Amino acid sequence: MNLPEEGCLLRIFVGDSKRHEGKPLYDYIVRQAREQGLAGATVFRGMMGFGASSRIHTSKILRLSEDLPVLIEIVDTRGNLESFLKRINPMVKDGLVTLEKAQVQIYRSNKQTDR
């Protein structure tokens, strides 16, 4: 797959306790991105954060959080990401989704497939 230099970055911020069809929501979203043939996706787990509810979520030992922040980043073309966003919109009940320009510098693999 080739990506144009002028790409797009989709960022999805959700809590790690959010689920869809019995799986963590971030897992479901990444698998849907792969199924749709998007260029790639990465999930990051946050140590601390807050969102629209203003409730602090933290991984500090003295205060266990059941809903640490998770960030899913997906890079592809704007059109592909907008189509994908329509597909996953109903699953993101809590969170934040952003779409921004990304200048693709390198996108390559020395393997035939990452499966």
Protein backbone atom coordinates (compact mmCIF):
# COMPACT_ATOMS: atom_id res chain seq x y z
CA MET A 1 0.00 0.00 0.00
CA ASN A 2 1.23 3.48 -0.82
CA LEU A 3 0.34 6.55 1.20
CA PRO A 4 0.46 10.03 -0.30
CA GLU A 5 2.73 12.54 1.41
CA GLU A 6 -0.35 14.54 2.44
CA GLY A 7 -2.03 12.09 4.79
CA CYS A 8 -4.30 12.37 7.78
CA LEU A 9 -4.12 11.31 11.44
CA LEU A 10 -7.18 10.02 13.28
CA ARG A 11 -6.88 10.12 17.07
CA ILE A 12 -9.44 8.37 19.24
CA PHE A 13 -9.31 8.93 23.00
CA VAL A 14 -11.33 6.44 25.08
CA GLY A 15 -11.11 4.71 28.45
CA ASP A 16 -9.54 1.27 28.69
CA SER A 17 -12.66 -0.13 30.37
CA LYS A 18 -14.89 0.71 27.38
CA ARG A 19 -16.08 -2.40 25.56
CA HIS A 20 -17.83 -3.38 22.34
CA GLU A 21 -19.13 -6.89 21.63
CA GLY A 22 -17.33 -8.18 24.73
CA LYS A 23 -13.88 -6.91 23.67
CA PRO A 24 -12.01 -3.80 24.73
CA LEU A 25 -13.15 -0.96 22.46
CA TYR A 26 -9.57 -0.14 21.43
CA ASP A 27 -9.05 -3.77 20.33
CA TYR A 28 -12.28 -3.71 18.33
CA ILE A 29 -11.34 -0.41 16.63
CA VAL A 30 -7.85 -1.60 15.63
CA ARG A 31 -9.23 -4.84 14.22
CA GLN A 32 -11.87 -2.90 12.26
CA ALA A 33 -9.14 -0.60 10.89
CA ARG A 34 -7.16 -3.61 9.68
CA GLU A 35 -10.28 -5.21 8.20
CA GLN A 36 -11.03 -1.99 6.31
CA GLY A 37 -7.47 -1.99 4.92
CA LEU A 38 -6.22 1.18 6.61
CA ALA A 39 -2.47 1.82 6.56
CA GLY A 40 -1.85 1.16 10.27
CA ALA A 41 -2.96 1.74 13.84
CA THR A 42 -1.26 2.01 17.23
CA VAL A 43 -2.73 2.00 20.75
CA PHE A 44 -1.16 3.91 23.65
CA ARG A 45 -2.20 3.53 27.29
CA GLY A 46 -2.06 6.70 29.37
CA MET A 47 -0.92 6.98 32.96
CA MET A 48 -3.22 9.86 33.79
CA GLY A 49 -5.87 12.03 32.15
CA PHE A 50 -9.33 13.52 32.19
CA GLY A 51 -11.99 14.19 29.62
CA ALA A 52 -15.41 15.75 29.24
CA SER A 53 -16.51 14.55 32.70
CA SER A 54 -13.46 16.28 34.29
CA ARG A 55 -12.89 13.18 36.43
CA ILE A 56 -9.17 12.42 36.89
CA HIS A 57 -8.16 8.90 35.87
CA THR A 58 -4.75 7.81 37.17
CA SER A 59 -2.59 4.72 37.58
CA LYS A 60 -1.13 5.84 40.92
CA ILE A 61 -0.77 2.97 43.38
CA LEU A 62 -2.76 4.66 46.15
CA ARG A 63 -5.68 5.32 43.85
CA LEU A 64 -6.59 2.60 41.37
CA SER A 65 -8.48 3.69 38.30
CA GLU A 66 -10.75 1.38 36.37
CA ASP A 67 -10.74 3.56 33.26
CA LEU A 68 -7.24 4.70 32.29
CA PRO A 69 -6.97 6.77 29.11
CA VAL A 70 -6.25 4.99 25.84
CA LEU A 71 -5.23 6.70 22.59
CA ILE A 72 -5.67 4.99 19.23
CA GLU A 73 -3.80 6.62 16.34
CA ILE A 74 -4.49 5.71 12.73
CA VAL A 75 -2.79 7.28 9.70
CA ASP A 76 -4.22 7.04 6.18
CA THR A 77 -5.86 9.30 3.61
CA ARG A 78 -8.57 11.72 4.75
CA GLY A 79 -11.21 9.94 2.66
CA ASN A 80 -10.40 6.52 4.10
CA LEU A 81 -10.39 7.86 7.66
CA GLU A 82 -13.68 9.74 7.22
CA SER A 83 -15.28 6.54 5.92
CA PHE A 84 -13.84 4.57 8.84
CA LEU A 85 -15.04 7.18 11.33
CA LYS A 86 -18.61 6.78 10.08
CA ARG A 87 -18.27 3.06 10.72
CA ILE A 88 -17.03 3.35 14.33
CA ASN A 89 -18.93 6.48 15.41
CA PRO A 90 -21.75 4.52 17.08
CA MET A 91 -19.24 2.55 19.19
CA VAL A 92 -17.56 5.62 20.75
CA LYS A 93 -20.08 6.53 23.44
CA ASP A 94 -17.52 8.39 25.64
CA GLY A 95 -14.35 9.99 24.42
CA LEU A 96 -12.81 12.39 21.95
CA VAL A 97 -12.04 11.93 18.27
CA THR A 98 -9.81 14.27 16.25
CA LEU A 99 -8.77 14.32 12.62
CA GLU A 100 -5.73 16.32 11.53
CA LYS A 101 -3.31 16.70 8.66
CA ALA A 102 -0.22 14.50 8.73
CA GLN A 103 2.78 14.76 6.46
CA VAL A 104 3.85 11.19 5.70
CA GLN A 105 7.63 10.95 5.50
CA ILE A 106 8.20 7.18 5.49
CA TYR A 107 5.75 4.28 5.20
CA ARG A 108 7.34 0.98 4.35
CA SER A 109 7.86 -2.60 5.43
CA ASN A 110 10.53 -5.06 4.39
CA LYS A 111 8.06 -7.93 4.86
CA GLN A 112 5.38 -9.07 2.45
CA THR A 113 2.77 -9.03 5.22
CA ASP A 114 2.55 -8.13 8.92
CA ARG A 115 0.18 -10.98 9.73
